Amino acid sequence: MNISGTDLILACSAIGAGLAVIAGIGPGIGQGIAAGHAAAAVGRNPGAKSDITSTMLLGQAVAETTGLYGLLVAILLLFVKPLV
C-alpha cells in the first residue's frame, strides 16, 4: 500500500474536521442546562421573566460562538485544501 502526501493530507483533514465538529457538543449541553435553569427561575419568580430571558439568550449567544467556530474550522478543513 502506497500512501502519497496528498492522501495523507486529505485523511488528516477529514479527521481534523470530525474532531472540530465535536466542539458543538459543549455549547449544546451548556445551552440546555442554561435553559433549564432559566425555566426554573421563571417558575420561582414570574415577574422577572423578561430579565431572565434576556440574560439567558445573551449567554446562549456567547456560548454558541464556540460551536460555530468548530463548524467553520471543519468546513475549511473539508473544502479548502491549500496544500493539495
Protein backbone atom coordinates (compact mmCIF):
# COMPACT_ATOMS: atom_id res chain seq x y z
CA MET A 1 0.00 0.00 0.00
CA ASN A 2 1.49 3.27 -1.13
CA ILE A 3 0.20 6.40 0.60
CA SER A 4 1.18 9.65 -1.05
CA GLY A 5 1.48 13.01 0.66
CA THR A 6 -1.79 14.17 -0.87
CA ASP A 7 -3.69 11.18 0.51
CA LEU A 8 -2.23 11.76 3.95
CA ILE A 9 -3.24 15.42 3.90
CA LEU A 10 -6.80 14.55 2.85
CA ALA A 11 -7.09 11.90 5.56
CA CYS A 12 -5.77 14.25 8.25
CA SER A 13 -8.14 16.98 7.06
CA ALA A 14 -11.10 14.61 7.39
CA ILE A 15 -10.02 13.52 10.88
CA GLY A 16 -9.47 17.13 11.92
CA ALA A 17 -12.90 18.13 10.61
CA GLY A 18 -14.52 15.36 12.63
CA LEU A 19 -12.71 16.49 15.77
CA ALA A 20 -13.67 20.11 15.13
CA VAL A 21 -17.36 19.21 14.89
CA ILE A 22 -17.14 17.62 18.34
CA ALA A 23 -16.74 21.20 19.60
CA GLY A 24 -20.52 21.55 19.11
CA ILE A 25 -21.28 19.18 22.00
CA GLY A 26 -20.19 21.57 24.75
CA PRO A 27 -22.36 24.51 23.71
CA GLY A 28 -25.34 22.22 23.20
CA ILE A 29 -25.08 20.82 26.71
CA GLY A 30 -24.42 24.26 28.20
CA GLN A 31 -27.37 25.84 26.46
CA GLY A 32 -29.68 23.06 27.60
CA ILE A 33 -28.57 23.50 31.19
CA ALA A 34 -28.97 27.29 30.95
CA ALA A 35 -32.47 26.98 29.51
CA GLY A 36 -33.45 24.55 32.25
CA HIS A 37 -32.19 26.84 35.00
CA ALA A 38 -33.89 29.83 33.37
CA ALA A 39 -37.20 27.96 33.23
CA ALA A 40 -36.84 27.08 36.91
CA ALA A 41 -36.03 30.71 37.75
CA VAL A 42 -39.10 31.94 35.88
CA GLY A 43 -41.17 29.38 37.75
CA ARG A 44 -39.92 30.76 41.06
CA ASN A 45 -40.24 34.43 40.08
CA PRO A 46 -42.62 35.02 37.13
CA GLY A 47 -42.27 38.80 37.48
CA ALA A 48 -38.63 38.68 36.37
CA LYS A 49 -39.35 36.73 33.20
CA SER A 50 -38.09 39.39 30.77
CA ASP A 51 -34.82 39.93 32.67
CA ILE A 52 -34.17 36.22 32.99
CA THR A 53 -34.97 35.55 29.34
CA SER A 54 -32.77 38.35 28.01
CA THR A 55 -29.84 37.30 30.20
CA MET A 56 -30.26 33.66 29.18
CA LEU A 57 -30.38 34.48 25.47
CA LEU A 58 -27.28 36.66 25.71
CA GLY A 59 -25.40 33.88 27.48
CA GLN A 60 -26.52 31.31 24.93
CA ALA A 61 -25.43 33.53 22.04
CA VAL A 62 -21.96 33.84 23.56
CA ALA A 63 -21.75 30.10 24.20
CA GLU A 64 -22.85 29.26 20.65
CA THR A 65 -19.85 31.01 19.13
CA THR A 66 -17.63 28.11 20.19
CA GLY A 67 -19.76 25.65 18.25
CA LEU A 68 -19.85 27.92 15.22
CA TYR A 69 -16.07 28.28 15.25
CA GLY A 70 -15.76 24.49 15.33
CA LEU A 71 -18.14 24.19 12.38
CA LEU A 72 -16.20 26.85 10.47
CA VAL A 73 -12.93 25.03 11.04
CA ALA A 74 -14.50 21.75 9.90
CA ILE A 75 -15.84 23.32 6.71
CA LEU A 76 -12.48 24.92 5.97
CA LEU A 77 -10.67 21.62 6.50
CA LEU A 78 -13.04 19.74 4.21
CA PHE A 79 -13.43 22.18 1.34
CA VAL A 80 -10.29 24.35 1.35
CA LYS A 81 -7.18 22.34 0.61
CA PRO A 82 -4.24 24.74 0.43
CA LEU A 83 -1.55 22.03 0.44
CA VAL A 84 -3.05 19.89 -2.32
